[in-house]
Protein backbone atom coordinates (compact mmCIF):
# COMPACT_ATOMS: atom_id res chain seq x y z
CA UNK A 1 69.01 89.95 88.28
CA UNK A 2 71.16 93.55 88.88
CA UNK A 3 70.51 92.69 92.74
CA UNK A 4 71.54 89.37 92.63
CA UNK A 5 74.85 90.00 90.94
CA UNK A 6 75.44 92.88 93.44
CA UNK A 7 75.20 90.68 96.53
CA UNK A 8 76.96 88.38 95.32
CA UNK A 9 80.05 90.48 94.12
CA UNK A 10 80.65 91.53 97.55
CA UNK A 11 80.97 88.43 99.22
CA UNK A 12 83.46 87.69 96.99
CA UNK A 13 86.96 88.21 98.88
CA UNK A 14 88.52 89.86 95.90
CA UNK A 15 86.11 92.83 95.85
CA UNK A 16 87.35 95.10 98.07
CA UNK A 17 90.34 95.46 95.63
CA UNK A 18 88.16 94.96 92.68
CA UNK A 19 86.40 98.19 93.86
CA UNK A 20 89.49 100.40 94.56
CA UNK A 21 90.11 99.78 91.03
CA UNK A 22 87.35 100.52 89.07
CA UNK A 23 86.96 103.67 91.32
CA UNK A 24 90.44 104.70 89.92
CA UNK A 25 89.83 103.71 86.69
CA UNK A 26 86.78 105.86 87.05
CA UNK A 27 88.81 108.85 88.54
CA UNK A 28 91.14 108.80 85.09
CA UNK A 29 87.97 108.35 82.65
CA UNK A 30 86.12 111.48 83.76
CA UNK A 31 89.40 113.26 84.44
CA UNK A 32 89.88 113.00 79.99
CA UNK A 33 86.66 113.56 79.20
CA UNK A 34 84.81 117.65 79.08
CA UNK A 35 83.78 116.14 82.78
CA UNK A 36 87.31 116.71 83.78
CA UNK A 37 85.92 120.31 84.77
CA UNK A 38 83.32 119.06 86.96
CA UNK A 39 85.16 116.78 88.83
CA UNK A 40 88.45 119.21 89.94
CA UNK A 41 85.05 121.54 91.05
CA UNK A 42 83.67 119.30 92.85
CA UNK A 43 86.81 118.46 94.91
CA UNK A 44 87.68 121.87 95.13
CA UNK A 45 84.28 122.29 96.80
CA UNK A 46 84.79 124.50 99.77
CA UNK A 47 83.43 122.64 102.54
CA UNK A 48 83.44 124.96 106.03
CA UNK A 49 83.03 123.32 109.22
CA UNK A 50 83.06 126.11 112.71
CA UNK A 51 81.30 126.52 116.24
CA UNK A 52 82.27 129.55 117.88
CA UNK A 53 85.92 131.07 117.02
CA UNK A 54 86.63 127.49 116.20
CA UNK A 55 86.92 126.71 112.34
CA UNK A 56 87.47 124.06 109.95
CA UNK A 57 87.23 125.36 106.30
CA UNK A 58 88.90 122.86 103.76
CA UNK A 59 88.30 122.22 100.50
CA UNK A 60 86.69 119.03 100.22
CA UNK A 61 89.52 116.45 98.94
CA UNK A 62 91.33 117.68 102.25
CA UNK A 63 88.13 116.54 103.95
CA UNK A 64 88.60 112.67 102.22
CA UNK A 65 91.94 113.05 102.70
CA UNK A 66 92.76 114.46 106.63
CA UNK A 67 88.97 113.54 107.75
CA UNK A 68 88.49 109.64 105.88
CA UNK A 69 91.77 108.51 105.87
CA UNK A 70 91.61 109.07 109.90
CA UNK A 71 88.83 106.20 110.20
CA UNK A 72 91.29 104.17 107.79
CA UNK A 73 93.60 104.34 110.01
CA UNK A 74 92.06 104.21 113.04
CA UNK A 75 91.03 100.68 111.75
CA UNK A 76 94.78 99.90 110.74
CA UNK A 77 95.37 100.89 114.43
CA UNK A 78 92.48 98.52 115.76
CA UNK A 79 94.08 95.97 113.77
CA UNK A 80 96.97 96.87 114.36
CA UNK A 81 96.41 96.29 118.37
CA UNK A 82 94.54 92.75 118.33
CA UNK A 83 97.34 91.10 116.14
CA UNK A 84 100.28 92.54 118.56
CA UNK A 85 97.67 91.47 121.70
CA UNK A 86 96.09 88.30 120.31
CA UNK A 87 96.61 87.44 116.82
CA UNK A 88 99.55 86.70 114.34
CA UNK A 89 101.96 88.73 115.49
CA UNK A 90 101.70 87.82 118.88
CA UNK A 91 104.15 84.98 118.36
CA UNK A 92 107.45 86.76 118.15
CA UNK A 93 108.55 83.96 115.22
CA UNK A 94 105.74 85.08 113.19
CA UNK A 95 107.42 88.75 113.63
CA UNK A 96 110.60 87.89 112.45
CA UNK A 97 110.01 87.61 108.77
CA UNK A 98 107.24 90.21 107.74
CA UNK A 99 109.47 92.31 109.93
CA UNK A 100 112.83 91.75 108.32
CA UNK A 101 111.17 91.64 104.55
CA UNK A 102 108.90 95.17 105.53
CA UNK A 103 112.57 97.00 106.53
CA UNK A 104 114.02 95.93 103.29
CA UNK A 105 110.89 97.10 101.39
CA UNK A 106 110.78 100.34 103.29
CA UNK A 107 114.51 100.65 102.43
CA UNK A 108 115.86 99.66 98.84
CA UNK A 109 112.58 101.81 97.59
CA UNK A 110 113.58 104.81 99.49
CA UNK A 111 117.10 104.68 97.88
CA UNK A 112 116.29 104.32 93.90
CA UNK A 113 113.66 107.60 95.04
CA UNK A 114 116.82 109.05 96.14
CA UNK A 115 119.11 107.98 93.55
CA UNK A 116 117.31 109.48 90.79
CA UNK A 117 116.19 112.55 92.62
CA UNK A 118 119.36 112.99 95.17
CA UNK A 119 120.40 116.69 93.88
CA UNK A 120 116.84 118.05 93.61
CA UNK A 121 116.25 119.41 97.15
CA UNK A 122 112.30 119.69 96.91
CA UNK A 123 112.06 116.26 94.95
CA UNK A 124 113.25 114.35 97.51
CA UNK A 125 110.87 115.31 99.47
CA UNK A 126 108.82 112.57 98.23
CA UNK A 127 110.92 109.51 99.66
CA UNK A 128 109.20 107.81 101.68
CA UNK A 129 106.12 107.80 98.25
CA UNK A 130 107.41 104.28 96.98
CA UNK A 131 107.86 102.96 100.39
CA UNK A 132 104.53 102.22 100.62
CA UNK A 133 102.15 99.26 100.37
CA UNK A 134 98.60 99.31 99.89
CA UNK A 135 96.91 96.56 101.30
CA UNK A 136 93.66 96.29 100.58
CA UNK A 137 94.71 96.18 97.13
CA UNK A 138 97.64 93.59 97.53
CA UNK A 139 95.48 90.94 98.97
CA UNK A 140 92.58 91.93 96.87
CA UNK A 141 94.91 91.04 93.65
CA UNK A 142 95.91 87.84 95.67
CA UNK A 143 92.33 86.36 96.22
CA UNK A 144 91.61 86.87 92.42
CA UNK A 145 93.95 83.26 92.67
CA UNK A 146 91.29 81.76 95.57
CA UNK A 147 92.10 78.94 98.07
CA UNK A 148 94.95 77.73 96.42
CA UNK A 149 97.23 80.31 98.14
CA UNK A 150 98.15 79.32 100.74
CA UNK A 151 96.95 80.83 103.87
CA UNK A 152 100.07 81.21 105.27
CA UNK A 153 101.17 83.57 102.27
CA UNK A 154 98.11 85.10 103.00
CA UNK A 155 99.12 86.06 106.49
CA UNK A 156 102.97 86.73 105.73
CA UNK A 157 101.58 89.42 103.04
CA UNK A 158 99.32 90.37 106.27
CA UNK A 159 101.61 90.99 108.54
CA UNK A 160 104.57 92.45 106.29
CA UNK A 161 101.60 95.15 105.10
CA UNK A 162 101.36 96.18 109.01
CA UNK A 163 104.86 96.78 109.92
CA UNK A 164 104.68 98.83 106.22
CA UNK A 165 102.28 101.00 107.78
CA UNK A 166 103.51 101.29 111.11
CA UNK A 167 106.63 102.48 108.94
CA UNK A 168 104.51 105.13 106.95
CA UNK A 169 102.33 106.12 110.68
CA UNK A 170 105.94 107.23 112.49
CA UNK A 171 107.23 108.53 108.75
CA UNK A 172 104.24 110.51 108.55
CA UNK A 173 104.57 111.49 112.14
CA UNK A 174 107.78 112.80 112.26
CA UNK A 175 108.78 114.31 108.47
CA UNK A 176 105.22 115.13 107.44
CA UNK A 177 104.33 117.60 109.51
CA UNK A 178 104.00 121.58 108.58
CA UNK A 179 104.62 123.96 111.77
CA UNK A 180 103.43 123.57 115.40
CA UNK A 181 101.41 124.88 116.88
CA UNK A 182 101.58 124.65 121.12
CA UNK A 183 98.52 124.99 122.31
CA UNK A 184 96.64 123.04 119.71
CA UNK A 185 99.33 120.03 121.00
CA UNK A 186 98.66 120.54 124.77
CA UNK A 187 94.93 119.68 123.90
CA UNK A 188 95.87 116.23 122.82
CA UNK A 189 98.71 116.12 125.39
CA UNK A 190 95.43 116.66 127.79
CA UNK A 191 93.11 113.83 126.24
CA UNK A 192 96.08 111.04 125.78
CA UNK A 193 95.52 110.40 129.23
CA UNK A 194 92.22 111.03 129.63
CA UNK A 195 92.13 107.61 127.00
CA UNK A 196 94.17 105.87 129.36
CA UNK A 197 91.98 106.61 132.28
CA UNK A 198 88.63 105.94 130.45
CA UNK A 199 90.90 102.95 130.02
CA UNK A 200 91.68 101.61 133.30
CA UNK A 201 87.93 102.89 134.85
CA UNK A 202 86.89 99.62 132.59
CA UNK A 203 84.81 102.13 130.51
CA UNK A 204 83.61 100.38 127.34
CA UNK A 205 81.47 102.40 125.67
CA UNK A 206 83.09 103.42 122.62
CA UNK A 207 81.18 105.85 121.57
CA UNK A 208 83.05 107.94 124.76
CA UNK A 209 86.54 107.08 123.22
CA UNK A 210 85.20 108.73 120.03
CA UNK A 211 84.14 111.54 120.46
CA UNK A 212 87.37 112.35 122.70
CA UNK A 213 88.62 111.03 119.44
CA UNK A 214 86.96 114.23 117.55
CA UNK A 215 88.15 116.74 119.49
CA UNK A 216 92.23 115.11 119.93
CA UNK A 217 91.73 115.09 115.76
CA UNK A 218 90.51 118.49 115.81
CA UNK A 219 93.35 119.91 117.76
CA UNK A 220 96.11 117.83 116.15
CA UNK A 221 94.53 119.11 112.67
CA UNK A 222 95.14 122.88 114.24
CA UNK A 223 98.32 121.78 115.67
CA UNK A 224 100.49 120.75 112.36
CA UNK A 225 101.35 117.16 113.11
CA UNK A 226 99.19 115.53 110.84
CA UNK A 227 95.39 114.42 111.99
CA UNK A 228 95.54 110.90 110.59
CA UNK A 229 97.73 109.98 113.38
CA UNK A 230 94.67 110.25 115.64
CA UNK A 231 92.99 107.37 114.39
CA UNK A 232 96.08 105.39 115.59
CA UNK A 233 96.68 107.16 118.89
CA UNK A 234 92.31 106.39 119.37
CA UNK A 235 92.67 102.87 118.91
CA UNK A 236 95.24 102.49 120.79
CA UNK A 237 93.18 102.54 123.96
CA UNK A 238 89.85 100.44 123.09
CA UNK A 239 89.17 97.95 125.62
CA UNK A 240 89.78 94.34 123.78
CA UNK A 241 88.32 92.77 126.06
CA UNK A 242 84.64 93.38 127.98
CA UNK A 243 85.17 92.98 131.81
CA UNK A 244 81.60 92.51 132.33
CA UNK A 245 81.06 90.20 129.47
CA UNK A 246 83.79 87.50 128.37
CA UNK A 247 82.41 86.71 125.32
CA UNK A 248 82.23 90.53 124.18
CA UNK A 249 85.58 92.62 123.10
CA UNK A 250 84.89 95.97 122.04
CA UNK A 251 87.80 96.63 119.63
CA UNK A 252 86.61 93.58 117.41
CA UNK A 253 83.24 94.72 117.45
CA UNK A 254 84.58 98.49 116.12
CA UNK A 255 86.87 96.48 113.67
CA UNK A 256 84.43 94.18 112.60
CA UNK A 257 81.40 97.52 112.33
CA UNK A 258 84.69 99.90 110.09
CA UNK A 259 86.21 97.08 107.79
CA UNK A 260 83.01 97.96 105.53
CA UNK A 261 82.97 100.84 105.69
CA UNK A 262 86.22 101.66 105.15
CA UNK A 263 86.59 98.94 101.91
CA UNK A 264 83.62 100.22 100.46
CA UNK A 265 83.19 103.39 100.53
CA UNK A 266 86.62 105.41 102.45
CA UNK A 267 89.56 103.74 100.16
CA UNK A 268 87.99 103.46 96.77
CA UNK A 269 86.71 107.16 97.92
CA UNK A 270 90.41 108.75 98.44
CA UNK A 271 90.95 106.37 95.33
CA UNK A 272 88.63 108.48 93.08
CA UNK A 273 89.80 111.43 94.58
CA UNK A 274 93.47 111.39 93.76
CA UNK A 275 93.06 109.17 90.40
CA UNK A 276 92.28 111.63 88.44
CA UNK A 277 95.14 112.40 86.54
CA UNK A 278 94.89 114.08 83.17
CA UNK A 279 96.49 112.11 80.25
CA UNK A 280 96.21 114.41 77.99
CA UNK A 281 100.51 115.68 76.27
CA UNK A 282 101.48 113.05 78.56
CA UNK A 283 104.08 110.90 76.64
CA UNK A 284 107.54 109.67 77.67
CA UNK A 285 109.07 113.01 78.52
CA UNK A 286 107.19 113.22 81.41
CA UNK A 287 107.11 109.37 82.91
CA UNK A 288 111.31 109.75 82.60
CA UNK A 289 111.15 112.85 85.21
CA UNK A 290 113.38 112.24 88.02
CA UNK A 291 109.91 112.19 90.35
CA UNK A 292 107.92 109.89 88.46
CA UNK A 293 110.59 107.56 87.45
CA UNK A 294 111.94 107.09 91.24
CA UNK A 295 108.33 106.51 91.72
CA UNK A 296 107.71 103.96 89.85
CA UNK A 297 111.46 101.81 90.12
CA UNK A 298 110.88 102.02 93.52
CA UNK A 299 107.76 100.67 93.90
CA UNK A 300 108.33 97.63 90.99
CA UNK A 301 112.56 97.14 91.27
CA UNK A 302 113.29 98.82 95.34
CA UNK A 303 110.22 96.86 96.62
CA UNK A 304 110.79 92.72 95.28
CA UNK A 305 114.94 93.50 95.75
CA UNK A 306 114.29 95.03 99.32
CA UNK A 307 111.66 92.85 100.95
CA UNK A 308 112.95 89.41 98.61
CA UNK A 309 116.18 89.69 99.89
CA UNK A 310 116.26 90.62 103.19
CA UNK A 311 113.97 87.39 103.89
CA UNK A 312 116.38 85.40 102.00
CA UNK A 313 119.41 85.81 104.34
CA UNK A 314 116.85 85.82 107.51
CA UNK A 315 115.94 82.43 106.32
CA UNK A 316 119.58 81.26 105.10
CA UNK A 317 120.84 82.48 108.30
CA UNK A 318 118.03 80.66 110.19
CA UNK A 319 116.60 83.51 111.90
CA UNK A 320 112.74 82.43 110.15
CA UNK A 321 111.84 80.07 107.52
CA UNK A 322 110.01 80.13 104.84
CA UNK A 323 106.09 80.09 104.71
CA UNK A 324 104.15 76.63 105.27
CA UNK A 325 103.80 75.26 102.13
CA UNK A 326 105.47 78.09 100.15
CA UNK A 327 108.89 77.96 98.09
CA UNK A 328 111.34 81.40 96.56
CA UNK A 329 108.73 81.39 93.26
CA UNK A 330 105.76 82.25 95.17
CA UNK A 331 108.09 84.72 98.09
CA UNK A 332 110.00 86.11 95.34
CA UNK A 333 105.65 87.01 93.85
CA UNK A 334 104.94 87.72 97.45
CA UNK A 335 107.45 90.38 97.48
CA UNK A 336 106.36 92.07 94.08
CA UNK A 337 102.43 92.54 94.73
CA UNK A 338 104.36 94.96 98.17
CA UNK A 339 104.69 96.71 95.17
CA UNK A 340 101.02 97.93 94.54
CA UNK A 341 101.53 101.22 96.79
CA UNK A 342 98.61 102.99 95.08
CA UNK A 343 96.23 104.67 98.07
CA UNK A 344 99.18 105.12 100.98
CA UNK A 345 101.07 106.17 98.45
CA UNK A 346 98.98 108.27 96.72
CA UNK A 347 98.29 109.77 100.34
CA UNK A 348 101.81 110.12 101.23
CA UNK A 349 102.26 111.59 97.91
CA UNK A 350 99.98 114.42 98.80
CA UNK A 351 101.59 115.54 101.90
CA UNK A 352 105.00 115.28 100.38
CA UNK A 353 103.80 118.05 97.94
CA UNK A 354 100.73 119.51 98.59
CA UNK A 355 102.32 122.68 100.47
CA UNK A 356 105.20 123.31 97.55
CA UNK A 357 104.93 124.49 93.91
CA UNK A 358 107.00 122.00 92.35
CA UNK A 359 104.32 119.61 91.69
CA UNK A 360 103.73 121.96 88.15
CA UNK A 361 106.46 120.73 86.66
CA UNK A 362 105.29 116.18 87.67
CA UNK A 363 102.85 114.47 88.92
CA UNK A 364 104.26 112.23 91.37
CA UNK A 365 100.71 109.88 90.18
CA UNK A 366 101.43 108.59 87.00
CA UNK A 367 104.63 106.80 88.44
CA UNK A 368 102.46 105.49 91.54
CA UNK A 369 99.89 104.24 88.87
CA UNK A 370 102.04 102.92 86.74
CA UNK A 371 104.88 101.68 89.72
CA UNK A 372 101.75 100.04 91.05
CA UNK A 373 100.13 98.93 88.19
CA UNK A 374 103.31 97.07 86.79
CA UNK A 375 103.47 95.07 90.11
CA UNK A 376 100.49 94.08 90.18
CA UNK A 377 100.37 92.23 87.29
CA UNK A 378 104.08 90.96 87.74
CA UNK A 379 102.82 89.69 91.66
CA UNK A 380 99.93 87.73 89.83
CA UNK A 381 101.01 86.18 86.61
CA UNK A 382 104.29 84.67 89.54
CA UNK A 383 102.52 83.67 91.60
CA UNK A 384 99.55 82.04 88.63
CA UNK A 385 102.74 79.58 87.78
CA UNK A 386 102.78 78.43 91.36
CA UNK A 387 99.67 78.63 92.24
CA UNK A 388 96.73 78.98 89.46
CA UNK A 389 96.43 74.91 88.76
CA UNK A 390 95.99 72.59 92.17
CA UNK A 391 95.82 73.75 95.08
CA UNK A 392 99.08 72.84 97.31
CA UNK A 393 98.81 69.64 99.22
């Protein structure tokens, strides 16, 4: 009975989003019970790897955020390369609307956050937190509506989230780096042409690329540039077509193998590790702090306003057209769903404030969770009014 339930659960399209949500809820429950001390002890457990003079010593939380999330970004890079070469984004017509929407969905939330925190330079470090979109969570909510939602809207949301991820990658690369180590960057710089060389030589064994990727990840970790960027760089060199077997794609095979691990293990672990907020003593005063308030309103209002208004402008100027079998209300519902920042917002939040002591005065995660939850509810109910009864013809 239990085995049958589990099997049916993982067959559901929305199972990854539901598991992500349950992981966050579990962390919240534990953080507000006497077991919270064990939760903190677990995340602060020191984990060290040493080979000769080279050592990496971090608490478990940072191994999750720097290590497991590098695998997540590797999968993002693989999906991005596939989409650009032979997927939806290979057609320029399919790029315009989600690209413009993603631009508005990053700029306006950042401006909302800036408005509330413009007087505090330390708080402004979190300006990119509400600009992120959690594609797994957003698609999970969308898939709760089942096949009634037009495929074109799912493609639009996925494409917009991919552009959003590109923006997040650039933000991390340029704005969230610590002191730079030139010697470590030299190692990274040597790995990149080596990856290019083995790609041009037609080497298709993905294990070869991954070994070089691990070396590059260690060097990137020591360089001061965030190590998760290694995943994206590595993905760009994985061959998408086999020269030996025309029916085989190393990239697609690797993407397929990683998808379940990322969706059902890595992202839930990340959500569990980063969502444990102790709510004792938390009230309106804490929520009204400029940082969580700016994040929450950036996700709830900024995302909807930014994405929908720029998409509306692009369609009115005839640069693009509405997705097939959809309407303005459905587009607005999708814009609201993009306010689910969750995983990506939590990740950027950890980068923005992890090296400061300022976060003792607030918890940015409160704004992320509230903003994401409200956005999910708004988007779901708007789309349910459009597609809740019958499948569009």
